[in-house]
C-alpha atoms as a PDB file:
ATOM      1  CA  MET A   1     -30.167  21.571  -2.942  1.00  0.00           C
ATOM      2  CA  ALA A   2     -29.351  17.933  -2.454  1.00  0.00           C
ATOM      3  CA  THR A   3     -28.928  17.056   1.184  1.00  0.00           C
ATOM      4  CA  LEU A   4     -26.708  14.287   2.434  1.00  0.00           C
ATOM      5  CA  HIS A   5     -27.459  11.381   4.738  1.00  0.00           C
ATOM      6  CA  GLU A   6     -24.501  12.140   6.975  1.00  0.00           C
ATOM      7  CA  LYS A   7     -22.796  15.255   8.228  1.00  0.00           C
ATOM      8  CA  THR A   8     -20.352  16.459   5.591  1.00  0.00           C
ATOM      9  CA  GLY A   9     -17.635  19.088   5.677  1.00  0.00           C
ATOM     10  CA  VAL A  10     -15.654  20.326   2.691  1.00  0.00           C
ATOM     11  CA  VAL A  11     -11.995  21.310   2.451  1.00  0.00           C
ATOM     12  CA  ILE A  12     -10.841  23.174  -0.663  1.00  0.00           C
ATOM     13  CA  MET A  13      -7.098  23.221  -1.287  1.00  0.00           C
ATOM     14  CA  ALA A  14      -6.405  26.784  -2.448  1.00  0.00           C
ATOM     15  CA  ALA A  15      -2.892  27.593  -1.232  1.00  0.00           C
ATOM     16  CA  GLY A  16      -0.976  27.135  -4.490  1.00  0.00           C
ATOM     17  CA  LYS A  17       1.184  29.789  -6.107  1.00  0.00           C
ATOM     18  CA  GLY A  18       0.663  28.684  -9.701  1.00  0.00           C
ATOM     19  CA  THR A  19       4.124  29.667 -10.934  1.00  0.00           C
ATOM     20  CA  ARG A  20       3.475  28.246 -14.415  1.00  0.00           C
ATOM     21  CA  MET A  21       0.253  30.235 -14.811  1.00  0.00           C
ATOM     22  CA  LYS A  22       2.321  33.342 -15.702  1.00  0.00           C
ATOM     23  CA  SER A  23      -0.011  35.533 -13.677  1.00  0.00           C
ATOM     24  CA  ASP A  24       0.293  37.939 -10.762  1.00  0.00           C
ATOM     25  CA  LEU A  25      -2.799  36.277  -9.307  1.00  0.00           C
ATOM     26  CA  PRO A  26      -2.670  33.286  -6.965  1.00  0.00           C
ATOM     27  CA  LYS A  27      -3.591  30.130  -8.832  1.00  0.00           C
ATOM     28  CA  ALA A  28      -7.026  29.835  -7.189  1.00  0.00           C
ATOM     29  CA  LEU A  29      -8.028  33.230  -8.590  1.00  0.00           C
ATOM     30  CA  CYS A  30      -6.937  32.696 -12.191  1.00  0.00           C
ATOM     31  CA  PRO A  31     -10.077  33.266 -14.282  1.00  0.00           C
ATOM     32  CA  LEU A  32     -12.001  30.524 -16.048  1.00  0.00           C
ATOM     33  CA  GLY A  33     -14.783  32.221 -17.945  1.00  0.00           C
ATOM     34  CA  GLU A  34     -16.475  34.829 -15.788  1.00  0.00           C
ATOM     35  CA  LYS A  35     -15.193  33.598 -12.426  1.00  0.00           C
ATOM     36  CA  PRO A  36     -11.987  32.394 -10.790  1.00  0.00           C
ATOM     37  CA  LEU A  37     -11.054  28.715 -10.651  1.00  0.00           C
ATOM     38  CA  VAL A  38     -11.869  28.402  -6.962  1.00  0.00           C
ATOM     39  CA  MET A  39     -15.435  29.675  -7.398  1.00  0.00           C
ATOM     40  CA  TRP A  40     -16.305  26.789  -9.714  1.00  0.00           C
ATOM     41  CA  VAL A  41     -15.287  24.436  -6.907  1.00  0.00           C
ATOM     42  CA  VAL A  42     -17.056  26.452  -4.197  1.00  0.00           C
ATOM     43  CA  GLU A  43     -20.286  26.359  -6.202  1.00  0.00           C
ATOM     44  CA  ALA A  44     -20.027  22.611  -6.850  1.00  0.00           C
ATOM     45  CA  ALA A  45     -19.496  22.011  -3.122  1.00  0.00           C
ATOM     46  CA  ARG A  46     -22.393  24.264  -2.181  1.00  0.00           C
ATOM     47  CA  THR A  47     -24.882  22.009  -3.981  1.00  0.00           C
ATOM     48  CA  LEU A  48     -24.103  19.365  -1.345  1.00  0.00           C
ATOM     49  CA  ALA A  49     -25.272  21.644   1.497  1.00  0.00           C
ATOM     50  CA  PRO A  50     -22.231  20.888   3.685  1.00  0.00           C
ATOM     51  CA  GLU A  51     -22.102  21.696   7.396  1.00  0.00           C
ATOM     52  CA  LEU A  52     -18.964  23.734   6.847  1.00  0.00           C
ATOM     53  CA  THR A  53     -16.556  24.621   4.061  1.00  0.00           C
ATOM     54  CA  VAL A  54     -12.898  25.371   4.766  1.00  0.00           C
ATOM     55  CA  ALA A  55     -10.515  26.886   2.221  1.00  0.00           C
ATOM     56  CA  VAL A  56      -6.835  26.246   2.886  1.00  0.00           C
ATOM     57  CA  VAL A  57      -5.022  29.371   1.704  1.00  0.00           C
ATOM     58  CA  GLY A  58      -1.360  30.282   1.484  1.00  0.00           C
ATOM     59  CA  HIS A  59       0.136  32.201  -1.412  1.00  0.00           C
ATOM     60  CA  GLN A  60      -1.384  35.716  -1.545  1.00  0.00           C
ATOM     61  CA  ARG A  61      -3.925  34.481   0.967  1.00  0.00           C
ATOM     62  CA  GLU A  62      -5.412  37.898   1.709  1.00  0.00           C
ATOM     63  CA  MET A  63      -6.380  38.255  -1.934  1.00  0.00           C
ATOM     64  CA  VAL A  64      -8.074  34.839  -1.931  1.00  0.00           C
ATOM     65  CA  LYS A  65      -9.860  35.579   1.343  1.00  0.00           C
ATOM     66  CA  GLU A  66     -11.106  38.901   0.001  1.00  0.00           C
ATOM     67  CA  ARG A  67     -12.512  37.250  -3.135  1.00  0.00           C
ATOM     68  CA  LEU A  68     -14.272  34.555  -1.089  1.00  0.00           C
ATOM     69  CA  ALA A  69     -15.604  36.925   1.566  1.00  0.00           C
ATOM     70  CA  GLY A  70     -19.336  36.515   2.026  1.00  0.00           C
ATOM     71  CA  GLU A  71     -19.334  32.930   0.731  1.00  0.00           C
ATOM     72  CA  GLY A  72     -19.671  31.387   4.204  1.00  0.00           C
ATOM     73  CA  ILE A  73     -16.178  29.929   4.087  1.00  0.00           C
ATOM     74  CA  ILE A  74     -13.797  29.335   6.992  1.00  0.00           C
ATOM     75  CA  PHE A  75     -10.140  29.988   6.182  1.00  0.00           C
ATOM     76  CA  ALA A  76      -7.127  27.959   7.299  1.00  0.00           C
ATOM     77  CA  THR A  77      -3.595  29.124   6.536  1.00  0.00           C
ATOM     78  CA  GLN A  78      -0.884  26.813   5.208  1.00  0.00           C
ATOM     79  CA  GLU A  79       2.467  28.496   5.702  1.00  0.00           C
ATOM     80  CA  PRO A  80       4.917  27.160   4.713  1.00  0.00           C
ATOM     81  CA  GLN A  81       3.433  24.770   2.149  1.00  0.00           C
ATOM     82  CA  LEU A  82       4.669  21.274   2.917  1.00  0.00           C
ATOM     83  CA  GLY A  83       2.345  19.140   0.801  1.00  0.00           C
ATOM     84  CA  THR A  84      -1.267  18.028   0.600  1.00  0.00           C
ATOM     85  CA  GLY A  85      -1.183  16.104   3.870  1.00  0.00           C
ATOM     86  CA  HIS A  86       0.114  19.204   5.628  1.00  0.00           C
ATOM     87  CA  ALA A  87      -2.614  21.281   3.934  1.00  0.00           C
ATOM     88  CA  LEU A  88      -5.388  19.116   5.350  1.00  0.00           C
ATOM     89  CA  ALA A  89      -3.719  19.158   8.772  1.00  0.00           C
ATOM     90  CA  CYS A  90      -3.883  22.963   8.644  1.00  0.00           C
ATOM     91  CA  ALA A  91      -7.684  22.658   8.384  1.00  0.00           C
ATOM     92  CA  ALA A  92      -7.949  20.304  11.377  1.00  0.00           C
ATOM     93  CA  GLU A  93      -8.799  23.010  13.902  1.00  0.00           C
ATOM     94  CA  ALA A  94     -12.032  23.836  12.055  1.00  0.00           C
ATOM     95  CA  PHE A  95     -13.065  20.170  12.406  1.00  0.00           C
ATOM     96  CA  ARG A  96     -12.142  19.808  16.086  1.00  0.00           C
ATOM     97  CA  ASP A  97     -15.599  18.648  17.223  1.00  0.00           C
ATOM     98  CA  PHE A  98     -16.785  17.406  13.830  1.00  0.00           C
ATOM     99  CA  LYS A  99     -18.016  13.848  13.360  1.00  0.00           C
ATOM    100  CA  GLY A 100     -18.863  12.851   9.824  1.00  0.00           C
ATOM    101  CA  VAL A 101     -17.245  12.961   6.400  1.00  0.00           C
ATOM    102  CA  VAL A 102     -14.614  15.341   5.064  1.00  0.00           C
ATOM    103  CA  LEU A 103     -14.728  15.907   1.304  1.00  0.00           C
ATOM    104  CA  VAL A 104     -11.399  17.195  -0.033  1.00  0.00           C
ATOM    105  CA  LEU A 105     -11.395  19.199  -3.272  1.00  0.00           C
ATOM    106  CA  SER A 106      -8.802  21.239  -5.165  1.00  0.00           C
ATOM    107  CA  ALA A 107      -9.259  24.807  -6.345  1.00  0.00           C
ATOM    108  CA  ASP A 108      -7.463  23.950  -9.586  1.00  0.00           C
ATOM    109  CA  VAL A 109      -9.844  21.113 -10.552  1.00  0.00           C
ATOM    110  CA  PRO A 110     -12.836  23.274 -11.529  1.00  0.00           C
ATOM    111  CA  ALA A 111     -14.762  20.955 -13.857  1.00  0.00           C
ATOM    112  CA  ILE A 112     -15.829  18.456 -11.198  1.00  0.00           C
ATOM    113  CA  LYS A 113     -19.583  17.857 -11.286  1.00  0.00           C
ATOM    114  CA  PRO A 114     -21.805  17.811  -8.194  1.00  0.00           C
ATOM    115  CA  ALA A 115     -23.282  14.472  -9.299  1.00  0.00           C
ATOM    116  CA  THR A 116     -19.794  12.945  -9.254  1.00  0.00           C
ATOM    117  CA  LEU A 117     -19.203  14.239  -5.738  1.00  0.00           C
ATOM    118  CA  ARG A 118     -22.511  12.787  -4.603  1.00  0.00           C
ATOM    119  CA  SER A 119     -21.532   9.414  -6.088  1.00  0.00           C
ATOM    120  CA  LEU A 120     -18.232   9.492  -4.212  1.00  0.00           C
ATOM    121  CA  LEU A 121     -19.969  10.308  -0.929  1.00  0.00           C
ATOM    122  CA  ALA A 122     -22.549   7.572  -1.522  1.00  0.00           C
ATOM    123  CA  ALA A 123     -19.823   5.000  -2.226  1.00  0.00           C
ATOM    124  CA  ARG A 124     -18.043   5.897   1.009  1.00  0.00           C
ATOM    125  CA  ARG A 125     -21.264   5.729   2.985  1.00  0.00           C
ATOM    126  CA  GLU A 126     -22.432   2.407   1.529  1.00  0.00           C
ATOM    127  CA  SER A 127     -19.053   0.702   1.999  1.00  0.00           C
ATOM    128  CA  LYS A 128     -18.408   2.355   5.391  1.00  0.00           C
ATOM    129  CA  ALA A 129     -14.948   3.174   4.035  1.00  0.00           C
ATOM    130  CA  ALA A 130     -12.393   5.199   5.953  1.00  0.00           C
ATOM    131  CA  VAL A 131     -11.264   6.575   2.594  1.00  0.00           C
ATOM    132  CA  ALA A 132     -13.057   6.969  -0.727  1.00  0.00           C
ATOM    133  CA  LEU A 133     -11.127   8.367  -3.657  1.00  0.00           C
ATOM    134  CA  LEU A 134     -11.996   9.351  -7.179  1.00  0.00           C
ATOM    135  CA  THR A 135     -10.002   7.703  -9.970  1.00  0.00           C
ATOM    136  CA  CYS A 136      -9.967   7.699 -13.754  1.00  0.00           C
ATOM    137  CA  ARG A 137      -8.164   5.913 -16.575  1.00  0.00           C
ATOM    138  CA  MET A 138      -5.927   8.031 -18.791  1.00  0.00           C
ATOM    139  CA  GLU A 139      -4.007   6.841 -21.833  1.00  0.00           C
ATOM    140  CA  LYS A 140      -1.225   9.286 -20.957  1.00  0.00           C
ATOM    141  CA  PRO A 141      -1.280   9.586 -17.158  1.00  0.00           C
ATOM    142  CA  GLY A 142       1.754  11.872 -17.042  1.00  0.00           C
ATOM    143  CA  ALA A 143       2.367  13.404 -13.613  1.00  0.00           C
ATOM    144  CA  TYR A 144      -0.757  12.009 -11.935  1.00  0.00           C
ATOM    145  CA  GLY A 145      -0.380   9.605  -9.027  1.00  0.00           C
ATOM    146  CA  ARG A 146      -1.037   5.954  -9.919  1.00  0.00           C
ATOM    147  CA  VAL A 147      -3.602   3.790  -8.138  1.00  0.00           C
ATOM    148  CA  ILE A 148      -2.091   0.488  -7.016  1.00  0.00           C
ATOM    149  CA  ARG A 149      -4.600  -2.360  -6.795  1.00  0.00           C
ATOM    150  CA  SER A 150      -4.415  -5.935  -5.592  1.00  0.00           C
ATOM    151  CA  GLY A 151      -7.273  -8.336  -6.176  1.00  0.00           C
ATOM    152  CA  GLY A 152      -9.251  -5.426  -7.581  1.00  0.00           C
ATOM    153  CA  GLN A 153      -8.969  -3.409  -4.360  1.00  0.00           C
ATOM    154  CA  ALA A 154      -7.079  -0.123  -4.087  1.00  0.00           C
ATOM    155  CA  GLN A 155      -4.043  -0.602  -1.865  1.00  0.00           C
ATOM    156  CA  ALA A 156      -2.037   2.583  -2.304  1.00  0.00           C
ATOM    157  CA  ILE A 157      -1.397   5.656  -4.402  1.00  0.00           C
ATOM    158  CA  VAL A 158       2.118   6.215  -5.698  1.00  0.00           C
ATOM    159  CA  GLU A 159       3.049   9.693  -6.894  1.00  0.00           C
ATOM    160  CA  ALA A 160       4.616   9.768 -10.359  1.00  0.00           C
ATOM    161  CA  ARG A 161       7.930  11.123  -9.068  1.00  0.00           C
ATOM    162  CA  ASP A 162       8.223   8.175  -6.673  1.00  0.00           C
ATOM    163  CA  ALA A 163       6.923   5.474  -9.044  1.00  0.00           C
ATOM    164  CA  THR A 164       8.861   2.623 -10.616  1.00  0.00           C
ATOM    165  CA  GLU A 165       8.769   2.096 -14.380  1.00  0.00           C
ATOM    166  CA  GLU A 166       6.238  -0.690 -13.836  1.00  0.00           C
ATOM    167  CA  GLN A 167       4.019   1.575 -11.746  1.00  0.00           C
ATOM    168  CA  LEU A 168       4.268   4.414 -14.276  1.00  0.00           C
ATOM    169  CA  ALA A 169       2.716   2.061 -16.845  1.00  0.00           C
ATOM    170  CA  ILE A 170      -0.507   1.971 -14.771  1.00  0.00           C
ATOM    171  CA  GLN A 171      -3.245   4.047 -16.406  1.00  0.00           C
ATOM    172  CA  GLU A 172      -5.599   4.405 -13.438  1.00  0.00           C
ATOM    173  CA  ILE A 173      -4.836   7.735 -11.805  1.00  0.00           C
ATOM    174  CA  ASN A 174      -5.758   9.468  -8.578  1.00  0.00           C
ATOM    175  CA  ALA A 175      -7.946  12.533  -9.162  1.00  0.00           C
ATOM    176  CA  GLY A 176      -6.982  14.149  -5.855  1.00  0.00           C
ATOM    177  CA  ILE A 177     -10.595  14.236  -4.669  1.00  0.00           C
ATOM    178  CA  TYR A 178     -11.407  12.294  -1.499  1.00  0.00           C
ATOM    179  CA  ALA A 179     -14.125  11.563   1.031  1.00  0.00           C
ATOM    180  CA  PHE A 180     -12.667  10.675   4.427  1.00  0.00           C
ATOM    181  CA  ASP A 181     -14.098   9.537   7.710  1.00  0.00           C
ATOM    182  CA  ALA A 182     -13.184  12.641   9.724  1.00  0.00           C
ATOM    183  CA  GLU A 183     -12.095  10.854  12.885  1.00  0.00           C
ATOM    184  CA  PHE A 184      -9.853   8.498  10.927  1.00  0.00           C
ATOM    185  CA  VAL A 185      -8.163  11.045   8.676  1.00  0.00           C
ATOM    186  CA  PHE A 186      -7.399  13.659  11.309  1.00  0.00           C
ATOM    187  CA  GLY A 187      -6.012  10.934  13.551  1.00  0.00           C
ATOM    188  CA  ALA A 188      -3.842   9.579  10.737  1.00  0.00           C
ATOM    189  CA  LEU A 189      -2.377  12.827   9.404  1.00  0.00           C
ATOM    190  CA  GLY A 190       0.197  13.030  12.193  1.00  0.00           C
ATOM    191  CA  LYS A 191       1.615   9.662  11.130  1.00  0.00           C
ATOM    192  CA  ILE A 192       2.485  10.736   7.579  1.00  0.00           C
ATOM    193  CA  GLY A 193       6.207  11.002   6.838  1.00  0.00           C
ATOM    194  CA  ARG A 194       7.989  12.973   4.131  1.00  0.00           C
ATOM    195  CA  THR A 195      10.654  10.564   2.891  1.00  0.00           C
ATOM    196  CA  ASN A 196       9.744  10.916  -0.772  1.00  0.00           C
ATOM    197  CA  ALA A 197      11.011  12.598  -3.930  1.00  0.00           C
ATOM    198  CA  GLN A 198       9.458  15.955  -3.036  1.00  0.00           C
ATOM    199  CA  GLY A 199      10.121  15.950   0.714  1.00  0.00           C
ATOM    200  CA  GLU A 200       6.437  16.661   1.333  1.00  0.00           C
ATOM    201  CA  TYR A 201       3.636  15.240   3.451  1.00  0.00           C
ATOM    202  CA  TYR A 202       1.510  13.385   0.893  1.00  0.00           C
ATOM    203  CA  LEU A 203      -2.194  13.068   1.609  1.00  0.00           C
ATOM    204  CA  THR A 204      -2.104  10.094  -0.751  1.00  0.00           C
ATOM    205  CA  ASP A 205      -0.208   8.096   1.916  1.00  0.00           C
ATOM    206  CA  ILE A 206      -3.472   7.890   3.865  1.00  0.00           C
ATOM    207  CA  VAL A 207      -4.730   5.188   1.470  1.00  0.00           C
ATOM    208  CA  ALA A 208      -1.952   2.714   2.309  1.00  0.00           C
ATOM    209  CA  MET A 209      -2.286   3.596   6.000  1.00  0.00           C
ATOM    210  CA  ALA A 210      -5.992   2.754   5.939  1.00  0.00           C
ATOM    211  CA  VAL A 211      -5.285  -0.569   4.217  1.00  0.00           C
ATOM    212  CA  ALA A 212      -2.557  -1.393   6.757  1.00  0.00           C
ATOM    213  CA  GLU A 213      -5.063  -0.825   9.570  1.00  0.00           C
ATOM    214  CA  GLY A 214      -7.565  -3.159   7.931  1.00  0.00           C
ATOM    215  CA  ARG A 215      -9.941  -0.358   7.056  1.00  0.00           C
ATOM    216  CA  GLN A 216     -12.072  -0.206   3.952  1.00  0.00           C
ATOM    217  CA  VAL A 217     -10.940   1.894   0.976  1.00  0.00           C
ATOM    218  CA  ALA A 218     -13.371   2.671  -1.849  1.00  0.00           C
ATOM    219  CA  ALA A 219     -11.931   3.706  -5.221  1.00  0.00           C
ATOM    220  CA  VAL A 220     -14.621   5.184  -7.462  1.00  0.00           C
ATOM    221  CA  MET A 221     -13.616   5.240 -11.118  1.00  0.00           C
ATOM    222  CA  ILE A 222     -15.251   7.715 -13.487  1.00  0.00           C
ATOM    223  CA  ASP A 223     -15.027   7.608 -17.277  1.00  0.00           C
ATOM    224  CA  ASP A 224     -14.835  11.361 -17.829  1.00  0.00           C
ATOM    225  CA  PRO A 225     -11.213  12.565 -17.568  1.00  0.00           C
ATOM    226  CA  ALA A 226     -12.234  16.149 -18.366  1.00  0.00           C
ATOM    227  CA  GLN A 227     -13.893  16.448 -14.952  1.00  0.00           C
ATOM    228  CA  ILE A 228     -10.725  15.866 -13.010  1.00  0.00           C
ATOM    229  CA  ARG A 229      -8.155  17.643 -15.155  1.00  0.00           C
ATOM    230  CA  GLY A 230      -5.990  19.895 -13.051  1.00  0.00           C
ATOM    231  CA  VAL A 231      -4.852  23.318 -14.206  1.00  0.00           C
ATOM    232  CA  ASN A 232      -1.122  23.994 -13.913  1.00  0.00           C
ATOM    233  CA  THR A 233      -0.290  26.026 -17.023  1.00  0.00           C
ATOM    234  CA  VAL A 234      -1.809  28.753 -19.178  1.00  0.00           C
ATOM    235  CA  GLU A 235      -2.242  26.196 -21.950  1.00  0.00           C
ATOM    236  CA  GLU A 236      -4.133  23.785 -19.691  1.00  0.00           C
ATOM    237  CA  LEU A 237      -6.387  26.610 -18.535  1.00  0.00           C
ATOM    238  CA  ALA A 238      -7.158  27.595 -22.132  1.00  0.00           C
ATOM    239  CA  ALA A 239      -7.900  23.983 -23.100  1.00  0.00           C
ATOM    240  CA  LEU A 240     -10.208  23.513 -20.113  1.00  0.00           C
ATOM    241  CA  GLU A 241     -11.999  26.763 -20.857  1.00  0.00           C
ATOM    242  CA  ARG A 242     -12.646  25.596 -24.421  1.00  0.00           C
ATOM    243  CA  ALA A 243     -13.944  22.246 -23.160  1.00  0.00           C
ATOM    244  CA  MET A 244     -16.184  23.728 -20.459  1.00  0.00           C
ATOM    245  CA  LEU A 245     -17.382  26.892 -22.124  1.00  0.00           C
ATOM    246  CA  GLY A 246     -16.869  26.282 -25.821  1.00  0.00           C
ATOM    247  CA  ARG A 247     -14.426  29.174 -26.095  1.00  0.00           C
END
């Protein structure tokens, strides 16, 4: 296994209900090939040999915990579910004495490659960034958050529901995968508001907060959209399964 040059912890967002998946299973446990979505992410994270891995669970959490039993995972409960910023805050207790980097992944983004995660961690380390995020260009960005740049540097992420027409025309999207300086992010989470279209605590707000504090933000663009495609519908799951497994 590849080891890292700095202490790294992983948080996997796995609290979603997955209403559009048309399944009795929680979204994280919907099958992709021979294993559930979340296991693809757990296995990718494991190649990094992290100090700890925390799964944030919510909907049908006992079922998710049972499936992940024996995987060396710490569980944090998000109830109610008030957004991605709130989800990471729910994991804060597990990182109480942790100093290092927190890698945030999503259970419904199963195609992410370990090499891509290592590149993101390396970019954060080399730039000493408070935040490193994975981005990608998409011809049809749809519901993905847009990356706002100025002078080539990432300044903010604007969620599609909150974006202006001009911002919606931006093709660089946020993949929802981050590497944070632990001390910075857990200190900043309490400052996130929820005055937005969804009334949620957006983890994406951390980018603009870091910039406002004069901290470094590293945006790492990849040229492989398939790696960061999220799964929200049965059709998206089927398409991803065909792409990943040739089915």
